[in-house]
Amino acid sequence: MKNKDQIARIAPILFGFFIMGFCDVVGIASTNVKADFGLSDTMSNMIPVSLFTMFLFFSIPTGILMNHIGRKKTVLLSNAITVIAMFLPLVEYNFATCLVAFALLGIANTMLQVSLNPLLN
């Protein structure tokens, strides 16, 4: 019984680190989006910029949100935003939705990294 309880406690944390890996999709996706829409190098590099600037702008607000609603709820919210971000290009596939999807993915990963690391203590 104790082993199942330990697995139940650590499984969401491991899932969080799995979700953090979705940021690695940006390298492959930017190449594919560039080919699909015939973009220049400058325009295709807007995809990683949209993702990584979210780390800059949302780190401190995520800490404030985490203190307000709690760490676990912040992790769950970040997982929900990740799911939305990954399905958004399936609904409408154009350059604008790709930028929005990767911006949401950046927000979700920022939230996850800010709120998941204190849970490891």
C-alpha atoms as a PDB file:
ATOM      1  CA  MET A   1       0.000   0.000   0.000  1.00  0.00           C
ATOM      2  CA  LYS A   2       2.828   2.370   0.825  1.00  0.00           C
ATOM      3  CA  ASN A   3       4.453   1.773  -2.575  1.00  0.00           C
ATOM      4  CA  LYS A   4       1.234   2.714  -4.417  1.00  0.00           C
ATOM      5  CA  ASP A   5       0.996   5.887  -2.360  1.00  0.00           C
ATOM      6  CA  GLN A   6       4.554   6.839  -3.301  1.00  0.00           C
ATOM      7  CA  ILE A   7       3.872   6.194  -6.986  1.00  0.00           C
ATOM      8  CA  ALA A   8       0.699   8.278  -6.802  1.00  0.00           C
ATOM      9  CA  ARG A   9       2.686  11.151  -5.325  1.00  0.00           C
ATOM     10  CA  ILE A  10       5.555  11.096  -7.796  1.00  0.00           C
ATOM     11  CA  ALA A  11       3.599  10.346 -11.014  1.00  0.00           C
ATOM     12  CA  PRO A  12       2.274  13.920 -11.482  1.00  0.00           C
ATOM     13  CA  ILE A  13       5.771  15.317 -11.008  1.00  0.00           C
ATOM     14  CA  LEU A  14       7.212  12.949 -13.604  1.00  0.00           C
ATOM     15  CA  PHE A  15       4.355  13.850 -15.948  1.00  0.00           C
ATOM     16  CA  GLY A  16       5.256  17.501 -15.448  1.00  0.00           C
ATOM     17  CA  PHE A  17       8.801  16.891 -16.616  1.00  0.00           C
ATOM     18  CA  PHE A  18       7.393  15.028 -19.624  1.00  0.00           C
ATOM     19  CA  ILE A  19       5.257  18.073 -20.459  1.00  0.00           C
ATOM     20  CA  MET A  20       8.332  20.324 -20.160  1.00  0.00           C
ATOM     21  CA  GLY A  21       9.785  18.428 -23.108  1.00  0.00           C
ATOM     22  CA  PHE A  22       7.167  19.905 -25.418  1.00  0.00           C
ATOM     23  CA  CYS A  23       9.344  23.017 -25.680  1.00  0.00           C
ATOM     24  CA  ASP A  24      11.721  20.884 -27.733  1.00  0.00           C
ATOM     25  CA  VAL A  25       9.034  20.634 -30.417  1.00  0.00           C
ATOM     26  CA  VAL A  26       9.792  24.221 -31.420  1.00  0.00           C
ATOM     27  CA  GLY A  27      12.916  23.293 -33.395  1.00  0.00           C
ATOM     28  CA  ILE A  28      11.183  20.752 -35.589  1.00  0.00           C
ATOM     29  CA  ALA A  29       7.986  22.769 -35.834  1.00  0.00           C
ATOM     30  CA  SER A  30       9.671  25.972 -36.958  1.00  0.00           C
ATOM     31  CA  THR A  31      11.323  24.107 -39.839  1.00  0.00           C
ATOM     32  CA  ASN A  32       8.011  22.545 -40.863  1.00  0.00           C
ATOM     33  CA  VAL A  33       6.073  25.814 -40.556  1.00  0.00           C
ATOM     34  CA  LYS A  34       8.719  27.566 -42.643  1.00  0.00           C
ATOM     35  CA  ALA A  35       8.306  24.980 -45.401  1.00  0.00           C
ATOM     36  CA  ASP A  36       4.489  24.891 -45.178  1.00  0.00           C
ATOM     37  CA  PHE A  37       3.999  28.644 -45.451  1.00  0.00           C
ATOM     38  CA  GLY A  38       7.074  29.559 -47.503  1.00  0.00           C
ATOM     39  CA  LEU A  39       8.456  31.827 -44.796  1.00  0.00           C
ATOM     40  CA  SER A  40      11.811  33.562 -44.683  1.00  0.00           C
ATOM     41  CA  ASP A  41      14.322  32.690 -41.981  1.00  0.00           C
ATOM     42  CA  THR A  42      13.407  35.830 -40.071  1.00  0.00           C
ATOM     43  CA  MET A  43       9.697  35.030 -40.030  1.00  0.00           C
ATOM     44  CA  SER A  44      10.213  31.377 -39.133  1.00  0.00           C
ATOM     45  CA  ASN A  45      12.399  32.433 -36.206  1.00  0.00           C
ATOM     46  CA  MET A  46       9.420  34.303 -34.774  1.00  0.00           C
ATOM     47  CA  ILE A  47       8.103  30.935 -33.565  1.00  0.00           C
ATOM     48  CA  PRO A  48      10.921  30.282 -31.067  1.00  0.00           C
ATOM     49  CA  VAL A  49      10.872  33.967 -30.133  1.00  0.00           C
ATOM     50  CA  SER A  50       7.154  33.761 -29.309  1.00  0.00           C
ATOM     51  CA  LEU A  51       7.815  30.748 -27.086  1.00  0.00           C
ATOM     52  CA  PHE A  52      10.887  31.931 -25.228  1.00  0.00           C
ATOM     53  CA  THR A  53       9.774  35.520 -24.611  1.00  0.00           C
ATOM     54  CA  MET A  54       6.931  34.081 -22.558  1.00  0.00           C
ATOM     55  CA  PHE A  55       9.557  32.849 -20.089  1.00  0.00           C
ATOM     56  CA  LEU A  56      10.679  36.459 -19.704  1.00  0.00           C
ATOM     57  CA  PHE A  57       7.238  37.946 -19.199  1.00  0.00           C
ATOM     58  CA  PHE A  58       5.451  35.227 -17.216  1.00  0.00           C
ATOM     59  CA  SER A  59       7.980  34.032 -14.623  1.00  0.00           C
ATOM     60  CA  ILE A  60       7.119  36.580 -11.936  1.00  0.00           C
ATOM     61  CA  PRO A  61       3.334  36.605 -12.577  1.00  0.00           C
ATOM     62  CA  THR A  62       3.377  32.811 -12.344  1.00  0.00           C
ATOM     63  CA  GLY A  63       5.047  33.020  -8.945  1.00  0.00           C
ATOM     64  CA  ILE A  64       2.341  35.406  -7.792  1.00  0.00           C
ATOM     65  CA  LEU A  65      -0.374  33.129  -9.203  1.00  0.00           C
ATOM     66  CA  MET A  66       1.238  30.103  -7.565  1.00  0.00           C
ATOM     67  CA  ASN A  67       1.173  31.810  -4.173  1.00  0.00           C
ATOM     68  CA  HIS A  68      -2.480  32.733  -4.717  1.00  0.00           C
ATOM     69  CA  ILE A  69      -3.981  29.438  -5.973  1.00  0.00           C
ATOM     70  CA  GLY A  70      -1.338  26.932  -4.876  1.00  0.00           C
ATOM     71  CA  ARG A  71       1.400  24.940  -6.549  1.00  0.00           C
ATOM     72  CA  LYS A  72      -0.630  21.902  -7.521  1.00  0.00           C
ATOM     73  CA  LYS A  73      -3.409  23.930  -9.132  1.00  0.00           C
ATOM     74  CA  THR A  74      -0.804  25.928 -11.042  1.00  0.00           C
ATOM     75  CA  VAL A  75       0.698  22.683 -12.364  1.00  0.00           C
ATOM     76  CA  LEU A  76      -2.752  21.484 -13.435  1.00  0.00           C
ATOM     77  CA  LEU A  77      -3.465  24.821 -15.115  1.00  0.00           C
ATOM     78  CA  SER A  78      -0.176  24.653 -16.998  1.00  0.00           C
ATOM     79  CA  ASN A  79      -0.994  21.133 -18.199  1.00  0.00           C
ATOM     80  CA  ALA A  80      -4.373  22.338 -19.458  1.00  0.00           C
ATOM     81  CA  ILE A  81      -2.756  25.250 -21.314  1.00  0.00           C
ATOM     82  CA  THR A  82      -0.255  22.820 -22.866  1.00  0.00           C
ATOM     83  CA  VAL A  83      -3.069  20.633 -24.182  1.00  0.00           C
ATOM     84  CA  ILE A  84      -4.822  23.673 -25.668  1.00  0.00           C
ATOM     85  CA  ALA A  85      -1.578  24.880 -27.243  1.00  0.00           C
ATOM     86  CA  MET A  86      -0.847  21.522 -28.846  1.00  0.00           C
ATOM     87  CA  PHE A  87      -4.346  21.161 -30.318  1.00  0.00           C
ATOM     88  CA  LEU A  88      -4.700  24.756 -31.554  1.00  0.00           C
ATOM     89  CA  PRO A  89      -2.865  24.179 -34.878  1.00  0.00           C
ATOM     90  CA  LEU A  90      -5.099  21.172 -35.512  1.00  0.00           C
ATOM     91  CA  VAL A  91      -8.172  23.403 -35.396  1.00  0.00           C
ATOM     92  CA  GLU A  92      -6.801  26.160 -37.634  1.00  0.00           C
ATOM     93  CA  TYR A  93      -3.403  25.773 -39.290  1.00  0.00           C
ATOM     94  CA  ASN A  94      -1.917  29.102 -40.289  1.00  0.00           C
ATOM     95  CA  PHE A  95       1.082  31.145 -39.214  1.00  0.00           C
ATOM     96  CA  ALA A  96      -0.857  33.241 -36.698  1.00  0.00           C
ATOM     97  CA  THR A  97      -2.256  30.218 -34.869  1.00  0.00           C
ATOM     98  CA  CYS A  98       1.203  28.660 -34.805  1.00  0.00           C
ATOM     99  CA  LEU A  99       2.561  31.803 -33.136  1.00  0.00           C
ATOM    100  CA  VAL A 100      -0.284  31.797 -30.614  1.00  0.00           C
ATOM    101  CA  ALA A 101       0.128  28.071 -29.964  1.00  0.00           C
ATOM    102  CA  PHE A 102       3.825  28.399 -29.243  1.00  0.00           C
ATOM    103  CA  ALA A 103       3.258  31.478 -27.096  1.00  0.00           C
ATOM    104  CA  LEU A 104       0.746  29.449 -25.070  1.00  0.00           C
ATOM    105  CA  LEU A 105       3.245  26.615 -24.885  1.00  0.00           C
ATOM    106  CA  GLY A 106       5.829  29.057 -23.542  1.00  0.00           C
ATOM    107  CA  ILE A 107       3.369  30.307 -20.933  1.00  0.00           C
ATOM    108  CA  ALA A 108       2.495  26.752 -19.918  1.00  0.00           C
ATOM    109  CA  ASN A 109       6.117  25.681 -19.607  1.00  0.00           C
ATOM    110  CA  THR A 110       6.955  28.776 -17.594  1.00  0.00           C
ATOM    111  CA  MET A 111       4.089  28.023 -15.242  1.00  0.00           C
ATOM    112  CA  LEU A 112       5.144  24.408 -14.989  1.00  0.00           C
ATOM    113  CA  GLN A 113       8.788  25.118 -14.269  1.00  0.00           C
ATOM    114  CA  VAL A 114       8.036  27.819 -11.719  1.00  0.00           C
ATOM    115  CA  SER A 115       5.459  25.739  -9.850  1.00  0.00           C
ATOM    116  CA  LEU A 116       6.886  22.236 -10.222  1.00  0.00           C
ATOM    117  CA  ASN A 117      10.370  22.851  -8.868  1.00  0.00           C
ATOM    118  CA  PRO A 118       9.153  23.817  -5.348  1.00  0.00           C
ATOM    119  CA  LEU A 119       7.058  20.633  -5.267  1.00  0.00           C
ATOM    120  CA  LEU A 120      10.247  18.582  -5.446  1.00  0.00           C
ATOM    121  CA  ASN A 121      11.348  19.729  -1.985  1.00  0.00           C
END
